[in-house]
Amino acid sequence: MERADACEPHAGEMRGHAADFVTRVTARSRLPLDYSVASLRVVDFLADGLRKGGADPEAARGTLLGLGAYVGEVLVRRAGAVWVDLDGTQRALFGQPVGVRMPDGRVWNPLGKVRNRFAAGGPEDSLRTFYLTLHGRTRGAVA
């Protein structure tokens, strides 16, 4: 599938985006970004900090991509998901070029979930709650 914009993330690159983000963030601080479900609270904290700090969404684009890649990678490692390039209909629905497919076939949008947390920051936008209420996880997935 040809991508419309070469700068858009691709499913095959998302694990690397997550790893690069973790390396950058943990080099400056001791944040517990260990791909655990509990670490999603840190993602909530970081997205809230960007918003409260007045970050412009365009200026924060790279950080938001890193956070979204991290959340998606938690879904891959803990819930049995796989990264997928979204088709045209899914792109229109989610507003993102990549997502994750759960073992039951459902497709979710971790990048969009992070953007929602950044934009609104309400308890209903929590990334940890997103994981805990996520349909389609592998049975017995670590919470």
N, C-alpha and C. Protein backbone atom coordinates (compact mmCIF):
# COMPACT_ATOMS: atom_id res chain seq x y z
N MET A 1 0.85 -1.17 0.00
CA MET A 1 0.00 0.00 0.00
C MET A 1 0.90 1.24 0.00
N GLU A 2 0.68 2.14 -0.93
CA GLU A 2 1.48 3.35 -1.02
C GLU A 2 0.93 4.39 -0.07
N ARG A 3 1.83 5.04 0.64
CA ARG A 3 1.41 6.06 1.58
C ARG A 3 1.28 7.40 0.88
N ALA A 4 0.30 8.20 1.30
CA ALA A 4 0.07 9.50 0.70
C ALA A 4 1.19 10.48 1.04
N ASP A 5 1.75 10.36 2.22
CA ASP A 5 2.78 11.29 2.68
C ASP A 5 3.93 10.47 3.25
N ALA A 6 5.11 10.63 2.67
CA ALA A 6 6.27 9.86 3.10
C ALA A 6 6.64 10.14 4.55
N CYS A 7 6.16 11.26 5.12
CA CYS A 7 6.47 11.61 6.51
C CYS A 7 5.53 10.93 7.49
N GLU A 8 4.46 10.34 6.98
CA GLU A 8 3.51 9.65 7.86
C GLU A 8 4.15 8.39 8.43
N PRO A 9 3.81 8.07 9.66
CA PRO A 9 4.32 6.81 10.22
C PRO A 9 3.72 5.61 9.50
N HIS A 10 4.48 4.55 9.49
CA HIS A 10 4.11 3.29 8.86
C HIS A 10 4.13 2.21 9.95
N ALA A 11 3.25 1.24 9.86
CA ALA A 11 3.14 0.20 10.89
C ALA A 11 4.49 -0.44 11.21
N GLY A 12 5.28 -0.71 10.21
CA GLY A 12 6.57 -1.35 10.42
C GLY A 12 7.59 -0.49 11.16
N GLU A 13 7.32 0.79 11.29
CA GLU A 13 8.22 1.72 11.97
C GLU A 13 7.82 2.01 13.41
N MET A 14 6.63 1.60 13.81
CA MET A 14 6.09 2.05 15.10
C MET A 14 6.86 1.51 16.31
N ARG A 15 7.31 0.28 16.26
CA ARG A 15 8.11 -0.26 17.37
C ARG A 15 9.37 0.59 17.55
N GLY A 16 10.00 0.98 16.45
CA GLY A 16 11.19 1.83 16.50
C GLY A 16 10.87 3.22 17.04
N HIS A 17 9.73 3.79 16.64
CA HIS A 17 9.31 5.09 17.17
C HIS A 17 9.15 5.01 18.69
N ALA A 18 8.53 3.94 19.16
CA ALA A 18 8.33 3.77 20.60
C ALA A 18 9.67 3.65 21.32
N ALA A 19 10.56 2.84 20.80
CA ALA A 19 11.87 2.63 21.43
C ALA A 19 12.68 3.93 21.44
N ASP A 20 12.66 4.67 20.33
CA ASP A 20 13.38 5.95 20.28
C ASP A 20 12.82 6.93 21.29
N PHE A 21 11.49 6.97 21.41
CA PHE A 21 10.85 7.85 22.37
C PHE A 21 11.27 7.50 23.80
N VAL A 22 11.23 6.22 24.13
CA VAL A 22 11.62 5.79 25.48
C VAL A 22 13.08 6.17 25.76
N THR A 23 13.94 5.95 24.80
CA THR A 23 15.36 6.30 24.97
C THR A 23 15.54 7.79 25.22
N ARG A 24 14.86 8.62 24.41
CA ARG A 24 14.96 10.08 24.58
C ARG A 24 14.44 10.53 25.93
N VAL A 25 13.27 10.06 26.31
CA VAL A 25 12.62 10.53 27.54
C VAL A 25 13.36 10.02 28.78
N THR A 26 13.78 8.78 28.77
CA THR A 26 14.42 8.23 29.97
C THR A 26 15.88 8.67 30.10
N ALA A 27 16.47 9.22 29.04
CA ALA A 27 17.83 9.75 29.12
C ALA A 27 17.86 11.01 29.98
N ARG A 28 16.74 11.75 30.00
CA ARG A 28 16.66 12.99 30.75
C ARG A 28 16.02 12.82 32.13
N SER A 29 15.33 11.73 32.33
CA SER A 29 14.61 11.53 33.59
C SER A 29 14.54 10.03 33.91
N ARG A 30 14.02 9.74 35.05
CA ARG A 30 13.92 8.34 35.47
C ARG A 30 12.47 7.86 35.40
N LEU A 31 11.77 8.27 34.37
CA LEU A 31 10.38 7.86 34.22
C LEU A 31 10.30 6.34 33.96
N PRO A 32 9.37 5.67 34.61
CA PRO A 32 9.25 4.21 34.46
C PRO A 32 8.49 3.82 33.20
N LEU A 33 9.11 4.01 32.05
CA LEU A 33 8.50 3.61 30.79
C LEU A 33 9.02 2.22 30.42
N ASP A 34 8.35 1.20 30.96
CA ASP A 34 8.78 -0.19 30.83
C ASP A 34 7.78 -1.04 30.05
N TYR A 35 6.88 -0.39 29.32
CA TYR A 35 5.86 -1.06 28.51
C TYR A 35 4.86 -1.84 29.36
N SER A 36 4.75 -1.49 30.62
CA SER A 36 3.73 -2.10 31.47
C SER A 36 2.43 -1.30 31.37
N VAL A 37 1.36 -1.93 31.77
CA VAL A 37 0.07 -1.24 31.80
C VAL A 37 0.15 -0.08 32.80
N ALA A 38 0.80 -0.28 33.92
CA ALA A 38 0.93 0.79 34.92
C ALA A 38 1.65 2.00 34.34
N SER A 39 2.57 1.79 33.40
CA SER A 39 3.31 2.92 32.82
C SER A 39 2.43 3.83 31.98
N LEU A 40 1.23 3.38 31.65
CA LEU A 40 0.32 4.24 30.89
C LEU A 40 -0.11 5.45 31.72
N ARG A 41 -0.02 5.36 33.04
CA ARG A 41 -0.26 6.54 33.89
C ARG A 41 0.77 7.61 33.60
N VAL A 42 2.00 7.20 33.32
CA VAL A 42 3.07 8.15 32.97
C VAL A 42 2.73 8.85 31.66
N VAL A 43 2.17 8.10 30.71
CA VAL A 43 1.77 8.70 29.44
C VAL A 43 0.68 9.75 29.68
N ASP A 44 -0.29 9.44 30.54
CA ASP A 44 -1.31 10.43 30.90
C ASP A 44 -0.65 11.68 31.46
N PHE A 45 0.28 11.50 32.38
CA PHE A 45 1.00 12.59 33.02
C PHE A 45 1.76 13.44 31.99
N LEU A 46 2.45 12.79 31.07
CA LEU A 46 3.23 13.51 30.06
C LEU A 46 2.33 14.29 29.11
N ALA A 47 1.24 13.69 28.66
CA ALA A 47 0.30 14.39 27.77
C ALA A 47 -0.33 15.58 28.49
N ASP A 48 -0.69 15.38 29.76
CA ASP A 48 -1.26 16.48 30.54
C ASP A 48 -0.25 17.61 30.72
N GLY A 49 1.01 17.24 30.95
CA GLY A 49 2.05 18.25 31.12
C GLY A 49 2.25 19.07 29.86
N LEU A 50 2.21 18.44 28.71
CA LEU A 50 2.31 19.18 27.45
C LEU A 50 1.17 20.18 27.31
N ARG A 51 -0.04 19.71 27.58
CA ARG A 51 -1.22 20.57 27.45
C ARG A 51 -1.16 21.73 28.44
N LYS A 52 -0.89 21.42 29.70
CA LYS A 52 -0.85 22.46 30.74
C LYS A 52 0.30 23.43 30.52
N GLY A 53 1.36 22.95 29.86
CA GLY A 53 2.49 23.81 29.54
C GLY A 53 2.24 24.70 28.33
N GLY A 54 1.07 24.54 27.72
CA GLY A 54 0.70 25.38 26.60
C GLY A 54 1.31 24.98 25.27
N ALA A 55 1.73 23.74 25.15
CA ALA A 55 2.33 23.28 23.89
C ALA A 55 1.34 23.39 22.74
N ASP A 56 1.81 23.90 21.64
CA ASP A 56 1.02 23.96 20.41
C ASP A 56 0.94 22.53 19.84
N PRO A 57 -0.25 22.10 19.39
CA PRO A 57 -0.36 20.73 18.88
C PRO A 57 0.63 20.42 17.75
N GLU A 58 0.89 21.38 16.89
CA GLU A 58 1.83 21.13 15.79
C GLU A 58 3.25 21.01 16.32
N ALA A 59 3.61 21.85 17.28
CA ALA A 59 4.95 21.80 17.86
C ALA A 59 5.15 20.52 18.66
N ALA A 60 4.07 19.99 19.22
CA ALA A 60 4.14 18.77 20.04
C ALA A 60 3.94 17.51 19.21
N ARG A 61 3.83 17.65 17.91
CA ARG A 61 3.51 16.52 17.03
C ARG A 61 4.44 15.32 17.23
N GLY A 62 5.75 15.56 17.26
CA GLY A 62 6.70 14.46 17.42
C GLY A 62 6.57 13.76 18.76
N THR A 63 6.37 14.55 19.81
CA THR A 63 6.20 13.97 21.14
C THR A 63 4.90 13.16 21.20
N LEU A 64 3.84 13.70 20.62
CA LEU A 64 2.57 12.98 20.61
C LEU A 64 2.67 11.68 19.81
N LEU A 65 3.43 11.71 18.71
CA LEU A 65 3.67 10.48 17.95
C LEU A 65 4.41 9.47 18.82
N GLY A 66 5.43 9.93 19.54
CA GLY A 66 6.18 9.04 20.43
C GLY A 66 5.30 8.44 21.51
N LEU A 67 4.46 9.27 22.11
CA LEU A 67 3.54 8.77 23.14
C LEU A 67 2.55 7.76 22.55
N GLY A 68 2.01 8.07 21.37
CA GLY A 68 1.07 7.15 20.72
C GLY A 68 1.73 5.85 20.34
N ALA A 69 2.97 5.93 19.86
CA ALA A 69 3.71 4.71 19.52
C ALA A 69 3.94 3.88 20.77
N TYR A 70 4.25 4.53 21.87
CA TYR A 70 4.47 3.83 23.13
C TYR A 70 3.18 3.12 23.57
N VAL A 71 2.06 3.84 23.55
CA VAL A 71 0.78 3.23 23.95
C VAL A 71 0.47 2.04 23.05
N GLY A 72 0.65 2.20 21.76
CA GLY A 72 0.41 1.09 20.84
C GLY A 72 1.31 -0.09 21.12
N GLU A 73 2.56 0.20 21.45
CA GLU A 73 3.50 -0.88 21.74
C GLU A 73 3.13 -1.61 23.03
N VAL A 74 2.56 -0.89 24.00
CA VAL A 74 2.04 -1.57 25.20
C VAL A 74 0.93 -2.54 24.79
N LEU A 75 0.06 -2.11 23.87
CA LEU A 75 -1.00 -3.00 23.39
C LEU A 75 -0.43 -4.21 22.66
N VAL A 76 0.63 -4.00 21.90
CA VAL A 76 1.27 -5.11 21.20
C VAL A 76 1.86 -6.10 22.21
N ARG A 77 2.60 -5.58 23.17
CA ARG A 77 3.31 -6.45 24.11
C ARG A 77 2.43 -7.07 25.18
N ARG A 78 1.39 -6.37 25.58
CA ARG A 78 0.58 -6.83 26.71
C ARG A 78 -0.79 -7.38 26.34
N ALA A 79 -1.30 -6.99 25.17
CA ALA A 79 -2.67 -7.37 24.83
C ALA A 79 -2.78 -8.20 23.56
N GLY A 80 -1.63 -8.53 22.94
CA GLY A 80 -1.66 -9.37 21.76
C GLY A 80 -1.96 -8.65 20.46
N ALA A 81 -1.87 -7.32 20.44
CA ALA A 81 -2.16 -6.55 19.23
C ALA A 81 -0.99 -6.63 18.24
N VAL A 82 -1.24 -6.19 17.02
CA VAL A 82 -0.21 -6.02 16.01
C VAL A 82 -0.42 -4.65 15.35
N TRP A 83 0.69 -4.01 14.98
CA TRP A 83 0.61 -2.73 14.27
C TRP A 83 0.09 -2.98 12.86
N VAL A 84 -0.79 -2.10 12.36
CA VAL A 84 -1.31 -2.21 10.99
C VAL A 84 -1.37 -0.82 10.35
N ASP A 85 -1.14 -0.80 9.04
CA ASP A 85 -1.41 0.42 8.27
C ASP A 85 -2.91 0.44 8.02
N LEU A 86 -3.53 1.56 8.28
CA LEU A 86 -4.98 1.66 8.13
C LEU A 86 -5.36 1.90 6.68
N ASP A 87 -6.52 1.34 6.28
CA ASP A 87 -7.01 1.58 4.93
C ASP A 87 -7.66 2.97 4.88
N GLY A 88 -8.11 3.35 3.70
CA GLY A 88 -8.67 4.69 3.52
C GLY A 88 -9.86 4.99 4.43
N THR A 89 -10.76 4.03 4.58
CA THR A 89 -11.93 4.22 5.44
C THR A 89 -11.51 4.39 6.90
N GLN A 90 -10.57 3.55 7.34
CA GLN A 90 -10.09 3.65 8.72
C GLN A 90 -9.35 4.96 8.95
N ARG A 91 -8.56 5.39 7.98
CA ARG A 91 -7.84 6.67 8.09
C ARG A 91 -8.83 7.81 8.26
N ALA A 92 -9.90 7.78 7.47
CA ALA A 92 -10.91 8.83 7.55
C ALA A 92 -11.59 8.81 8.93
N LEU A 93 -11.86 7.63 9.44
CA LEU A 93 -12.52 7.50 10.74
C LEU A 93 -11.60 7.93 11.88
N PHE A 94 -10.35 7.45 11.88
CA PHE A 94 -9.44 7.68 12.99
C PHE A 94 -8.58 8.93 12.83
N GLY A 95 -8.40 9.40 11.61
CA GLY A 95 -7.54 10.55 11.39
C GLY A 95 -6.06 10.23 11.57
N GLN A 96 -5.70 8.96 11.44
CA GLN A 96 -4.33 8.50 11.63
C GLN A 96 -4.00 7.47 10.55
N PRO A 97 -2.73 7.33 10.18
CA PRO A 97 -2.36 6.35 9.16
C PRO A 97 -2.11 4.94 9.69
N VAL A 98 -1.89 4.80 11.01
CA VAL A 98 -1.60 3.49 11.59
C VAL A 98 -2.46 3.26 12.83
N GLY A 99 -2.63 2.00 13.15
CA GLY A 99 -3.36 1.62 14.35
C GLY A 99 -2.89 0.24 14.78
N VAL A 100 -3.63 -0.37 15.68
CA VAL A 100 -3.32 -1.73 16.10
C VAL A 100 -4.56 -2.60 15.92
N ARG A 101 -4.30 -3.85 15.52
CA ARG A 101 -5.37 -4.84 15.39
C ARG A 101 -5.25 -5.80 16.55
N MET A 102 -6.36 -5.98 17.24
CA MET A 102 -6.40 -6.86 18.39
C MET A 102 -6.61 -8.30 17.94
N PRO A 103 -6.37 -9.26 18.82
CA PRO A 103 -6.55 -10.67 18.45
C PRO A 103 -7.95 -11.00 17.94
N ASP A 104 -8.96 -10.24 18.36
CA ASP A 104 -10.32 -10.52 17.89
C ASP A 104 -10.64 -9.80 16.59
N GLY A 105 -9.66 -9.08 16.01
CA GLY A 105 -9.84 -8.40 14.74
C GLY A 105 -10.21 -6.94 14.83
N ARG A 106 -10.54 -6.46 16.02
CA ARG A 106 -10.89 -5.05 16.17
C ARG A 106 -9.64 -4.18 15.98
N VAL A 107 -9.86 -3.02 15.40
CA VAL A 107 -8.77 -2.07 15.17
C VAL A 107 -8.95 -0.89 16.11
N TRP A 108 -7.85 -0.50 16.76
CA TRP A 108 -7.86 0.62 17.70
C TRP A 108 -6.83 1.65 17.27
N ASN A 109 -6.97 2.84 17.82
CA ASN A 109 -6.22 4.01 17.40
C ASN A 109 -5.44 4.63 18.56
N PRO A 110 -4.30 4.06 18.95
CA PRO A 110 -3.57 4.62 20.08
C PRO A 110 -3.04 6.04 19.83
N LEU A 111 -2.67 6.38 18.61
CA LEU A 111 -2.19 7.73 18.33
C LEU A 111 -3.30 8.75 18.55
N GLY A 112 -4.50 8.42 18.10
CA GLY A 112 -5.64 9.30 18.31
C GLY A 112 -6.03 9.41 19.77
N LYS A 113 -5.91 8.30 20.50
CA LYS A 113 -6.22 8.33 21.93
C LYS A 113 -5.27 9.29 22.66
N VAL A 114 -4.00 9.27 22.29
CA VAL A 114 -3.03 10.19 22.90
C VAL A 114 -3.38 11.63 22.55
N ARG A 115 -3.72 11.88 21.29
CA ARG A 115 -4.12 13.23 20.88
C ARG A 115 -5.34 13.70 21.66
N ASN A 116 -6.31 12.81 21.90
CA ASN A 116 -7.49 13.16 22.69
C ASN A 116 -7.09 13.53 24.12
N ARG A 117 -6.18 12.76 24.70
CA ARG A 117 -5.72 13.06 26.05
C ARG A 117 -5.04 14.42 26.09
N PHE A 118 -4.21 14.71 25.09
CA PHE A 118 -3.53 15.99 25.00
C PHE A 118 -4.55 17.13 24.85
N ALA A 119 -5.56 16.93 24.02
CA ALA A 119 -6.53 17.98 23.73
C ALA A 119 -7.47 18.26 24.90
N ALA A 120 -7.94 17.22 25.57
CA ALA A 120 -8.97 17.40 26.59
C ALA A 120 -8.48 17.09 28.00
N GLY A 121 -7.82 15.97 28.15
CA GLY A 121 -7.24 15.61 29.44
C GLY A 121 -8.20 15.21 30.53
N GLY A 122 -9.43 14.87 30.18
CA GLY A 122 -10.36 14.44 31.20
C GLY A 122 -10.12 13.00 31.60
N PRO A 123 -10.69 12.58 32.72
CA PRO A 123 -10.50 11.20 33.18
C PRO A 123 -10.96 10.17 32.15
N GLU A 124 -11.93 10.52 31.32
CA GLU A 124 -12.41 9.61 30.29
C GLU A 124 -11.38 9.42 29.17
N ASP A 125 -10.36 10.25 29.14
CA ASP A 125 -9.31 10.16 28.13
C ASP A 125 -8.05 9.46 28.64
N SER A 126 -8.12 8.87 29.83
CA SER A 126 -6.96 8.20 30.41
C SER A 126 -6.52 7.03 29.53
N LEU A 127 -5.22 6.95 29.26
CA LEU A 127 -4.68 5.86 28.46
C LEU A 127 -4.67 4.56 29.25
N ARG A 128 -4.47 4.62 30.53
CA ARG A 128 -4.52 3.40 31.35
C ARG A 128 -5.94 2.84 31.36
N THR A 129 -6.93 3.72 31.53
CA THR A 129 -8.32 3.27 31.51
C THR A 129 -8.68 2.71 30.13
N PHE A 130 -8.16 3.34 29.07
CA PHE A 130 -8.36 2.83 27.71
C PHE A 130 -7.91 1.38 27.64
N TYR A 131 -6.72 1.08 28.15
CA TYR A 131 -6.23 -0.29 28.12
C TYR A 131 -7.12 -1.22 28.94
N LEU A 132 -7.45 -0.81 30.14
CA LEU A 132 -8.19 -1.69 31.05
C LEU A 132 -9.61 -1.98 30.57
N THR A 133 -10.17 -1.10 29.75
CA THR A 133 -11.53 -1.31 29.25
C THR A 133 -11.53 -1.76 27.79
N LEU A 134 -10.37 -2.04 27.26
CA LEU A 134 -10.19 -2.38 25.85
C LEU A 134 -10.80 -3.73 25.53
N HIS A 135 -11.62 -3.74 24.50
CA HIS A 135 -12.19 -5.00 24.01
C HIS A 135 -11.19 -5.67 23.08
N GLY A 136 -11.17 -6.97 23.10
CA GLY A 136 -10.38 -7.72 22.14
C GLY A 136 -9.00 -8.12 22.63
N ARG A 137 -8.69 -7.87 23.90
CA ARG A 137 -7.38 -8.28 24.42
C ARG A 137 -7.29 -9.80 24.47
N THR A 138 -6.07 -10.28 24.44
CA THR A 138 -5.83 -11.71 24.62
C THR A 138 -6.27 -12.08 26.03
N ARG A 139 -6.93 -13.21 26.16
CA ARG A 139 -7.34 -13.66 27.49
C ARG A 139 -6.12 -13.84 28.36
N GLY A 140 -6.23 -13.37 29.59
CA GLY A 140 -5.11 -13.52 30.52
C GLY A 140 -4.01 -12.51 30.29
N ALA A 141 -4.25 -11.49 29.45
CA ALA A 141 -3.24 -10.46 29.21
C ALA A 141 -2.93 -9.75 30.52
N VAL A 142 -1.68 -9.41 30.68
CA VAL A 142 -1.22 -8.78 31.92
C VAL A 142 -1.84 -7.41 32.06
N ALA A 143 -2.43 -7.14 33.21
CA ALA A 143 -2.99 -5.81 33.49
C ALA A 143 -2.15 -5.17 34.54
